Amino acid sequence: MRSPVSRRHFLRDVAAGLSAAALPHLAQAQGASQPALTPGPPGRPGRHRVDEPAAVEVNARPLPSFDIRDRARVRFGSLEYRSGLILTSSFAGFGGLSALRLDPKGERFIAVSDQGTWFTGRILYRGRDMIGLDDVEAAPLLGADGRPITATRGWYDSESLALDGSIAYVGLERVNQVLRYDFSKGFTRSRGEVVPLPPAARKLPINKGLEALVFVPKVMAKDLPKGRRWPAR
């Protein structure tokens, strides 16, 4: 990838399961046009902006080991390295994946890139080893107005993704915002609603905001200790 996923982030994200309700059958891609280039500040490269859904062809080659200095090493604490892929694509908006979630079978995935883009698709296996990706689609993160957040608000740097059934939460680090998406209303075509955050979160320094999100299920009242009051969700 042009902007590789860190090993720490990849292992953290693939360890989380994705509710089957969050991954209905992918809608047919509506074209394969290349993303627009949004000019960047002087001396800095521009950002490729995906304005409409597009099918993406991804090439994959195996990553034989997780530790490039010792290919025989496969154990990392409680984790065992199974296989890996080096991914490339001629699609200009590909890469920079910041968060990734898998379905319970480890086949379908949904990810967000730091350019305000959804990526969905299917992982191909040969036995236990990953060998490629298929059915990959890119789609813009939409705002409440139904337009890409990168085009209307200039928002990007989508860094984190948390799932609660068919509800997805996406954190935008650079602008200190969290968007809520209801996948039952169009999957990646659904519109994002701004989630109110505590005042302190909105004051985080630029590019030093939320790097990760996690969904914590609501504690049932019957499980709470007597006399203990917890804040409502």
Protein backbone atom coordinates (compact mmCIF):
# COMPACT_ATOMS: atom_id res chain seq x y z
CA MET A 1 0.00 0.00 0.00
CA ARG A 2 1.13 3.55 -0.53
CA SER A 3 0.49 4.28 3.14
CA PRO A 4 1.14 0.94 4.88
CA VAL A 5 -0.89 -0.15 7.88
CA SER A 6 1.30 -0.44 10.98
CA ARG A 7 1.68 -3.96 12.33
CA ARG A 8 0.39 -2.84 15.72
CA HIS A 9 -2.79 -1.41 14.21
CA PHE A 10 -3.30 -4.40 11.91
CA LEU A 11 -3.08 -6.97 14.69
CA ARG A 12 -5.26 -4.88 16.99
CA ASP A 13 -7.97 -4.44 14.39
CA VAL A 14 -8.17 -7.94 12.92
CA ALA A 15 -8.51 -9.35 16.43
CA ALA A 16 -11.96 -7.78 16.69
CA GLY A 17 -14.93 -9.64 15.17
CA LEU A 18 -17.44 -7.94 12.92
CA SER A 19 -21.14 -8.55 13.49
CA ALA A 20 -22.72 -10.29 10.51
CA ALA A 21 -25.50 -7.71 10.61
CA ALA A 22 -22.99 -5.06 9.62
CA LEU A 23 -22.07 -6.75 6.36
CA PRO A 24 -25.01 -7.31 4.02
CA HIS A 25 -24.31 -8.23 0.43
CA LEU A 26 -22.20 -5.53 -1.19
CA ALA A 27 -24.05 -3.28 -3.58
CA GLN A 28 -22.92 -3.17 -7.20
CA ALA A 29 -20.14 -0.65 -7.71
CA GLN A 30 -21.26 2.38 -9.69
CA GLY A 31 -18.16 2.97 -11.74
CA ALA A 32 -14.38 2.80 -11.64
CA SER A 33 -13.40 6.42 -12.18
CA GLN A 34 -10.19 7.60 -10.54
CA PRO A 35 -10.49 9.84 -7.46
CA ALA A 36 -10.13 13.58 -7.73
CA LEU A 37 -6.94 15.16 -6.41
CA THR A 38 -7.50 17.77 -3.72
CA PRO A 39 -4.51 20.17 -3.68
CA GLY A 40 -2.51 20.16 -0.47
CA PRO A 41 -0.69 23.02 1.28
CA PRO A 42 2.51 24.36 -0.36
CA GLY A 43 5.24 21.75 -0.21
CA ARG A 44 2.85 18.94 0.69
CA PRO A 45 1.20 16.42 -1.71
CA GLY A 46 -2.49 16.60 -2.46
CA ARG A 47 -5.08 14.06 -1.29
CA HIS A 48 -6.99 11.73 -3.57
CA ARG A 49 -10.70 12.19 -2.91
CA VAL A 50 -13.22 9.43 -3.71
CA ASP A 51 -16.52 11.08 -4.63
CA GLU A 52 -18.52 8.05 -5.76
CA PRO A 53 -18.47 4.26 -5.29
CA ALA A 54 -15.95 2.47 -7.48
CA ALA A 55 -14.79 -1.09 -8.05
CA VAL A 56 -11.10 -1.46 -7.21
CA GLU A 57 -8.68 -4.04 -8.57
CA VAL A 58 -6.12 -5.01 -5.95
CA ASN A 59 -2.99 -7.04 -6.64
CA ALA A 60 -1.56 -9.16 -3.84
CA ARG A 61 1.70 -11.00 -3.21
CA PRO A 62 2.51 -13.02 -0.11
CA LEU A 63 4.35 -11.59 2.87
CA PRO A 64 6.25 -14.71 3.95
CA SER A 65 7.08 -13.60 7.48
CA PHE A 66 6.02 -11.02 10.04
CA ASP A 67 9.58 -10.53 11.29
CA ILE A 68 11.66 -9.78 8.21
CA ARG A 69 14.86 -10.38 10.21
CA ASP A 70 13.85 -13.89 11.30
CA ARG A 71 11.48 -15.72 8.95
CA ALA A 72 11.32 -18.72 11.24
CA ARG A 73 9.74 -16.67 14.00
CA VAL A 74 5.96 -17.11 14.01
CA ARG A 75 5.08 -16.61 17.70
CA PHE A 76 4.60 -13.12 19.12
CA GLY A 77 3.39 -13.52 22.68
CA SER A 78 -0.05 -15.12 22.49
CA LEU A 79 -0.28 -14.42 18.75
CA GLU A 80 0.78 -16.72 15.91
CA TYR A 81 1.60 -15.34 12.47
CA ARG A 82 -0.38 -17.22 9.82
CA SER A 83 0.08 -15.27 6.59
CA GLY A 84 0.25 -11.79 5.16
CA LEU A 85 -0.20 -9.87 1.93
CA ILE A 86 1.51 -6.95 0.25
CA LEU A 87 -1.23 -5.05 -1.58
CA THR A 88 -0.94 -2.67 -4.54
CA SER A 89 -3.47 -1.07 -6.87
CA SER A 90 -3.56 1.33 -9.80
CA PHE A 91 -6.56 3.01 -8.14
CA ALA A 92 -5.24 6.39 -7.03
CA GLY A 93 -7.23 6.45 -3.79
CA PHE A 94 -6.07 3.04 -2.57
CA GLY A 95 -4.02 2.73 0.61
CA GLY A 96 -3.70 4.52 3.90
CA LEU A 97 -6.01 2.06 5.69
CA SER A 98 -6.39 3.17 9.28
CA ALA A 99 -8.93 0.73 10.74
CA LEU A 100 -10.19 -2.69 9.71
CA ARG A 101 -12.95 -5.02 10.89
CA LEU A 102 -13.69 -8.60 9.81
CA ASP A 103 -16.82 -10.72 9.81
CA PRO A 104 -16.90 -13.73 12.18
CA LYS A 105 -15.52 -16.04 9.46
CA GLY A 106 -12.56 -13.77 8.72
CA GLU A 107 -13.63 -13.36 5.10
CA ARG A 108 -15.53 -10.14 4.52
CA PHE A 109 -13.91 -6.93 5.68
CA ILE A 110 -14.70 -3.27 6.00
CA ALA A 111 -12.03 -0.63 6.46
CA VAL A 112 -11.64 3.14 6.46
CA SER A 113 -8.72 5.01 4.95
CA ASP A 114 -7.30 8.25 6.23
CA GLN A 115 -8.61 9.91 3.06
CA GLY A 116 -12.26 9.63 4.14
CA THR A 117 -13.00 6.45 2.19
CA TRP A 118 -14.67 3.12 2.93
CA PHE A 119 -13.08 -0.03 1.54
CA THR A 120 -15.02 -3.29 1.52
CA GLY A 121 -14.27 -6.69 0.03
CA ARG A 122 -13.48 -10.34 0.56
CA ILE A 123 -10.25 -12.07 1.57
CA LEU A 124 -9.30 -15.13 -0.50
CA TYR A 125 -7.65 -18.09 1.22
CA ARG A 126 -5.78 -21.21 0.25
CA GLY A 127 -6.07 -23.36 3.32
CA ARG A 128 -5.12 -21.10 6.25
CA ASP A 129 -3.11 -18.67 4.10
CA MET A 130 -4.44 -15.46 2.60
CA ILE A 131 -3.74 -15.26 -1.14
CA GLY A 132 -5.60 -12.15 -2.30
CA LEU A 133 -8.60 -9.85 -2.18
CA ASP A 134 -11.76 -9.89 -4.28
CA ASP A 135 -14.92 -7.78 -4.67
CA VAL A 136 -13.06 -4.71 -3.42
CA GLU A 137 -15.03 -1.47 -3.53
CA ALA A 138 -14.21 2.06 -2.48
CA ALA A 139 -16.93 4.51 -1.42
CA PRO A 140 -16.77 7.96 0.15
CA LEU A 141 -17.71 8.59 3.76
CA LEU A 142 -20.89 10.63 3.46
CA GLY A 143 -22.10 13.41 5.71
CA ALA A 144 -25.65 14.09 6.87
CA ASP A 145 -26.28 15.93 3.58
CA GLY A 146 -25.46 12.80 1.55
CA ARG A 147 -22.29 14.29 0.09
CA PRO A 148 -18.68 13.18 0.69
CA ILE A 149 -17.27 14.72 3.87
CA THR A 150 -14.01 15.44 2.05
CA ALA A 151 -15.76 17.52 -0.59
CA THR A 152 -18.21 19.56 1.48
CA ARG A 153 -16.35 20.01 4.78
CA GLY A 154 -12.77 19.17 3.91
CA TRP A 155 -12.84 16.48 6.60
CA TYR A 156 -10.48 13.53 6.30
CA ASP A 157 -7.95 11.66 8.51
CA SER A 158 -10.54 9.01 9.36
CA GLU A 159 -8.49 6.95 11.80
CA SER A 160 -10.77 4.67 13.78
CA LEU A 161 -13.77 2.37 13.41
CA ALA A 162 -16.01 0.72 16.01
CA LEU A 163 -19.09 -1.44 15.36
CA ASP A 164 -22.25 -2.05 17.36
CA GLY A 165 -24.28 -4.46 15.23
CA SER A 166 -25.37 -2.48 12.18
CA ILE A 167 -24.14 0.83 13.64
CA ALA A 168 -20.65 2.03 12.77
CA TYR A 169 -18.72 4.82 14.45
CA VAL A 170 -15.85 6.52 12.61
CA GLY A 171 -13.39 8.83 14.33
CA LEU A 172 -11.87 11.75 12.42
CA GLU A 173 -8.66 12.61 14.19
CA ARG A 174 -7.64 15.88 12.57
CA VAL A 175 -10.99 17.60 13.21
CA ASN A 176 -11.82 15.77 16.47
CA GLN A 177 -15.19 14.45 15.32
CA VAL A 178 -16.99 11.10 15.49
CA LEU A 179 -19.58 10.14 12.87
CA ARG A 180 -22.32 7.55 13.36
CA TYR A 181 -23.48 5.42 10.41
CA ASP A 182 -26.53 3.15 10.33
CA PHE A 183 -25.57 0.39 7.90
CA SER A 184 -29.20 -0.77 7.68
CA LYS A 185 -29.82 2.39 5.64
CA GLY A 186 -27.55 1.68 2.71
CA PHE A 187 -24.38 0.15 4.16
CA THR A 188 -21.48 2.34 2.94
CA ARG A 189 -24.03 4.60 1.20
CA SER A 190 -25.54 5.53 4.56
CA ARG A 191 -25.19 9.08 5.88
CA GLY A 192 -23.06 9.98 8.85
CA GLU A 193 -24.39 11.91 11.82
CA VAL A 194 -22.08 13.85 14.09
CA VAL A 195 -21.88 12.33 17.57
CA PRO A 196 -21.77 14.91 20.39
CA LEU A 197 -18.45 14.71 22.23
CA PRO A 198 -17.36 16.05 25.61
CA PRO A 199 -15.92 19.59 25.34
CA ALA A 200 -12.45 18.31 26.26
CA ALA A 201 -12.41 16.00 23.22
CA ARG A 202 -13.16 18.89 20.88
CA LYS A 203 -10.13 20.75 22.26
CA LEU A 204 -7.59 18.06 21.43
CA PRO A 205 -4.61 19.37 19.41
CA ILE A 206 -4.78 19.07 15.64
CA ASN A 207 -3.60 15.66 14.42
CA LYS A 208 -3.32 14.47 18.04
CA GLY A 209 -6.91 13.35 18.54
CA LEU A 210 -8.66 9.98 18.73
CA GLU A 211 -6.58 7.22 17.16
CA ALA A 212 -8.89 4.35 18.12
CA LEU A 213 -12.50 3.63 19.04
CA VAL A 214 -14.05 0.65 20.77
CA PHE A 215 -17.68 -0.17 21.51
CA VAL A 216 -18.42 -1.22 25.09
CA PRO A 217 -21.81 -2.97 25.49
CA LYS A 218 -24.23 -1.46 27.97
CA VAL A 219 -24.08 -3.10 31.37
CA MET A 220 -27.40 -4.68 32.29
CA ALA A 221 -28.95 -3.36 35.48
CA LYS A 222 -29.28 -6.83 36.98
CA ASP A 223 -25.51 -7.28 36.79
CA LEU A 224 -24.69 -4.10 38.67
CA PRO A 225 -23.76 -4.21 42.37
CA LYS A 226 -26.57 -3.10 44.64
CA GLY A 227 -26.52 0.61 45.34
CA ARG A 228 -24.17 1.30 42.42
CA ARG A 229 -25.36 3.85 39.85
CA TRP A 230 -23.79 3.93 36.43
CA PRO A 231 -24.20 6.72 33.90
CA ALA A 232 -26.72 6.03 31.17
CA ARG A 233 -25.35 5.16 27.76
